Amino acid sequence: MVPSPARPNPRALAVAALADLACVLVFVAIGRNSHEAGFTLVGLVTTGWPFWVGVAGGYVGVLAFRLAPAALTGAAMVLMKTLVIGMILRSVVQNDGTPVSFVVVSTIFLAVTMLGWRFAARYLALRQLRSGAGTARQPERVA
């Protein structure tokens, strides 16, 4: 990883962190529903907190290495820390265990969603930039 010279934009950092936290929330909600565990706030927090701590750890890494949070390097940092820290906390603190099938499903779902929103955001930004560039007015010439 090559650190960028500038710190990430605080607004971009907040938006990225909220999007990644939302990915974990969706993962937790789907998992609880598939296991018929219900959608109580306490249940969602109890199930999700190890992975939300992992997201926070990922953003500590993003800041420490001065990575752009929406870039693939930032995504890799957040994804890996979310999975590793989340699995360790789930196993050690909650005694829930981490069967291989759970690790595989978690990795696939979180990779698709955490990378997916970044690709979608980049696509929309490029599309907006291209459509705006073609309609920009040219400055008038002064004779």
Protein backbone atom coordinates (compact mmCIF):
# COMPACT_ATOMS: atom_id res chain seq x y z
CA MET A 1 0.00 0.00 0.00
CA VAL A 2 1.28 3.41 -0.92
CA PRO A 3 -0.06 6.11 1.38
CA SER A 4 -1.44 9.21 -0.26
CA PRO A 5 0.09 12.51 0.82
CA ALA A 6 -3.18 14.06 2.02
CA ARG A 7 -5.61 13.09 4.73
CA PRO A 8 -9.00 11.81 3.53
CA ASN A 9 -11.76 14.38 3.18
CA PRO A 10 -13.82 14.26 6.44
CA ARG A 11 -17.13 14.24 4.54
CA ALA A 12 -15.98 11.43 2.23
CA LEU A 13 -14.70 9.51 5.26
CA ALA A 14 -18.05 9.86 7.07
CA VAL A 15 -20.09 8.86 4.00
CA ALA A 16 -17.87 5.83 3.36
CA ALA A 17 -17.98 4.75 7.00
CA LEU A 18 -21.78 5.03 7.11
CA ALA A 19 -22.08 3.05 3.88
CA ASP A 20 -19.83 0.29 5.25
CA LEU A 21 -21.73 0.21 8.55
CA ALA A 22 -24.95 -0.09 6.53
CA CYS A 23 -23.47 -3.05 4.62
CA VAL A 24 -22.89 -4.80 7.94
CA LEU A 25 -26.41 -3.90 9.13
CA VAL A 26 -27.94 -5.45 6.00
CA PHE A 27 -25.74 -8.54 6.44
CA VAL A 28 -26.84 -8.89 10.07
CA ALA A 29 -30.52 -8.35 9.26
CA ILE A 30 -30.48 -10.95 6.47
CA GLY A 31 -28.63 -13.41 8.69
CA ARG A 32 -31.01 -12.95 11.59
CA ASN A 33 -33.98 -13.33 9.25
CA SER A 34 -32.60 -16.51 7.67
CA HIS A 35 -32.12 -17.99 11.15
CA GLU A 36 -35.53 -16.70 12.28
CA ALA A 37 -33.91 -14.64 15.06
CA GLY A 38 -36.08 -11.54 14.57
CA PHE A 39 -35.47 -7.86 13.95
CA THR A 40 -35.25 -6.38 17.44
CA LEU A 41 -32.84 -3.51 17.98
CA VAL A 42 -31.11 -5.43 20.76
CA GLY A 43 -30.77 -8.48 18.51
CA LEU A 44 -29.32 -6.47 15.63
CA VAL A 45 -26.81 -4.74 17.92
CA THR A 46 -25.87 -7.96 19.71
CA THR A 47 -25.21 -9.71 16.42
CA GLY A 48 -23.65 -6.78 14.59
CA TRP A 49 -21.33 -5.17 17.12
CA PRO A 50 -18.27 -7.40 16.45
CA PHE A 51 -18.36 -6.47 12.78
CA TRP A 52 -19.05 -2.78 13.46
CA VAL A 53 -15.96 -2.78 15.68
CA GLY A 54 -14.15 -4.34 12.71
CA VAL A 55 -15.36 -1.52 10.44
CA ALA A 56 -14.03 0.99 12.99
CA GLY A 57 -10.70 -0.85 12.99
CA GLY A 58 -10.67 -0.63 9.22
CA TYR A 59 -11.09 3.12 9.33
CA VAL A 60 -8.27 3.40 11.86
CA GLY A 61 -6.14 1.70 9.19
CA VAL A 62 -7.51 4.00 6.47
CA LEU A 63 -6.51 7.04 8.53
CA ALA A 64 -3.15 5.60 9.62
CA PHE A 65 -2.12 4.85 6.03
CA ARG A 66 -3.87 7.95 4.64
CA LEU A 67 -5.93 5.91 2.20
CA ALA A 68 -8.88 7.27 0.29
CA PRO A 69 -11.88 5.59 1.96
CA ALA A 70 -13.79 5.10 -1.32
CA ALA A 71 -10.76 3.75 -3.22
CA LEU A 72 -10.06 0.05 -3.59
CA THR A 73 -7.11 0.25 -1.18
CA GLY A 74 -9.36 1.80 1.45
CA ALA A 75 -12.03 -0.81 0.74
CA ALA A 76 -9.52 -3.63 1.12
CA MET A 77 -8.36 -2.25 4.47
CA VAL A 78 -11.91 -1.90 5.80
CA LEU A 79 -13.09 -5.24 4.42
CA MET A 80 -10.18 -7.25 5.81
CA LYS A 81 -10.32 -5.66 9.25
CA THR A 82 -14.10 -5.99 9.37
CA LEU A 83 -13.87 -9.71 8.65
CA VAL A 84 -10.86 -10.53 10.83
CA ILE A 85 -11.84 -8.44 13.86
CA GLY A 86 -15.51 -9.38 13.52
CA MET A 87 -14.77 -13.11 13.37
CA ILE A 88 -12.34 -12.96 16.29
CA LEU A 89 -14.75 -11.01 18.50
CA ARG A 90 -17.67 -13.23 17.48
CA SER A 91 -15.68 -16.35 18.34
CA VAL A 92 -13.80 -15.24 21.46
CA VAL A 93 -16.16 -12.76 23.14
CA GLN A 94 -19.54 -14.08 22.06
CA ASN A 95 -18.57 -17.78 21.91
CA ASP A 96 -20.64 -18.05 18.71
CA GLY A 97 -18.00 -19.82 16.68
CA THR A 98 -17.05 -19.21 13.09
CA PRO A 99 -17.88 -22.20 10.91
CA VAL A 100 -16.20 -22.18 7.51
CA SER A 101 -19.56 -21.70 5.78
CA PHE A 102 -20.19 -18.55 7.85
CA VAL A 103 -16.74 -17.17 7.04
CA VAL A 104 -17.28 -17.82 3.32
CA VAL A 105 -20.77 -16.29 3.23
CA SER A 106 -19.65 -13.28 5.30
CA THR A 107 -16.64 -12.68 3.08
CA ILE A 108 -18.64 -12.90 -0.13
CA PHE A 109 -21.54 -10.74 1.08
CA LEU A 110 -19.39 -8.04 2.65
CA ALA A 111 -16.98 -7.97 -0.30
CA VAL A 112 -19.83 -7.61 -2.79
CA THR A 113 -21.59 -4.88 -0.81
CA MET A 114 -18.53 -2.94 0.40
CA LEU A 115 -16.92 -2.98 -3.03
CA GLY A 116 -20.26 -2.67 -4.79
CA TRP A 117 -21.25 0.68 -3.33
CA ARG A 118 -17.80 2.03 -4.17
CA PHE A 119 -18.05 0.90 -7.80
CA ALA A 120 -21.56 2.35 -8.04
CA ALA A 121 -20.43 5.67 -6.54
CA ARG A 122 -17.43 5.85 -8.87
CA TYR A 123 -19.60 5.03 -11.91
CA LEU A 124 -22.16 7.70 -11.00
CA ALA A 125 -19.45 10.29 -10.35
CA LEU A 126 -17.78 9.59 -13.71
CA ARG A 127 -21.13 9.65 -15.48
CA GLN A 128 -21.99 12.99 -13.90
CA LEU A 129 -18.55 14.37 -14.73
CA ARG A 130 -18.85 13.28 -18.36
CA SER A 131 -22.35 14.67 -18.79
CA GLY A 132 -21.34 17.94 -17.11
CA ALA A 133 -18.18 18.29 -19.18
CA GLY A 134 -20.08 18.12 -22.46
CA THR A 135 -22.54 20.85 -21.49
CA ALA A 136 -20.14 23.30 -19.89
CA ARG A 137 -20.20 26.74 -21.47
CA GLN A 138 -17.04 27.97 -23.03
CA PRO A 139 -15.86 31.41 -21.89
CA GLU A 140 -16.55 34.18 -24.35
CA ARG A 141 -13.59 35.58 -26.22
CA VAL A 142 -12.72 39.19 -25.68
CA ALA A 143 -11.71 40.93 -28.90
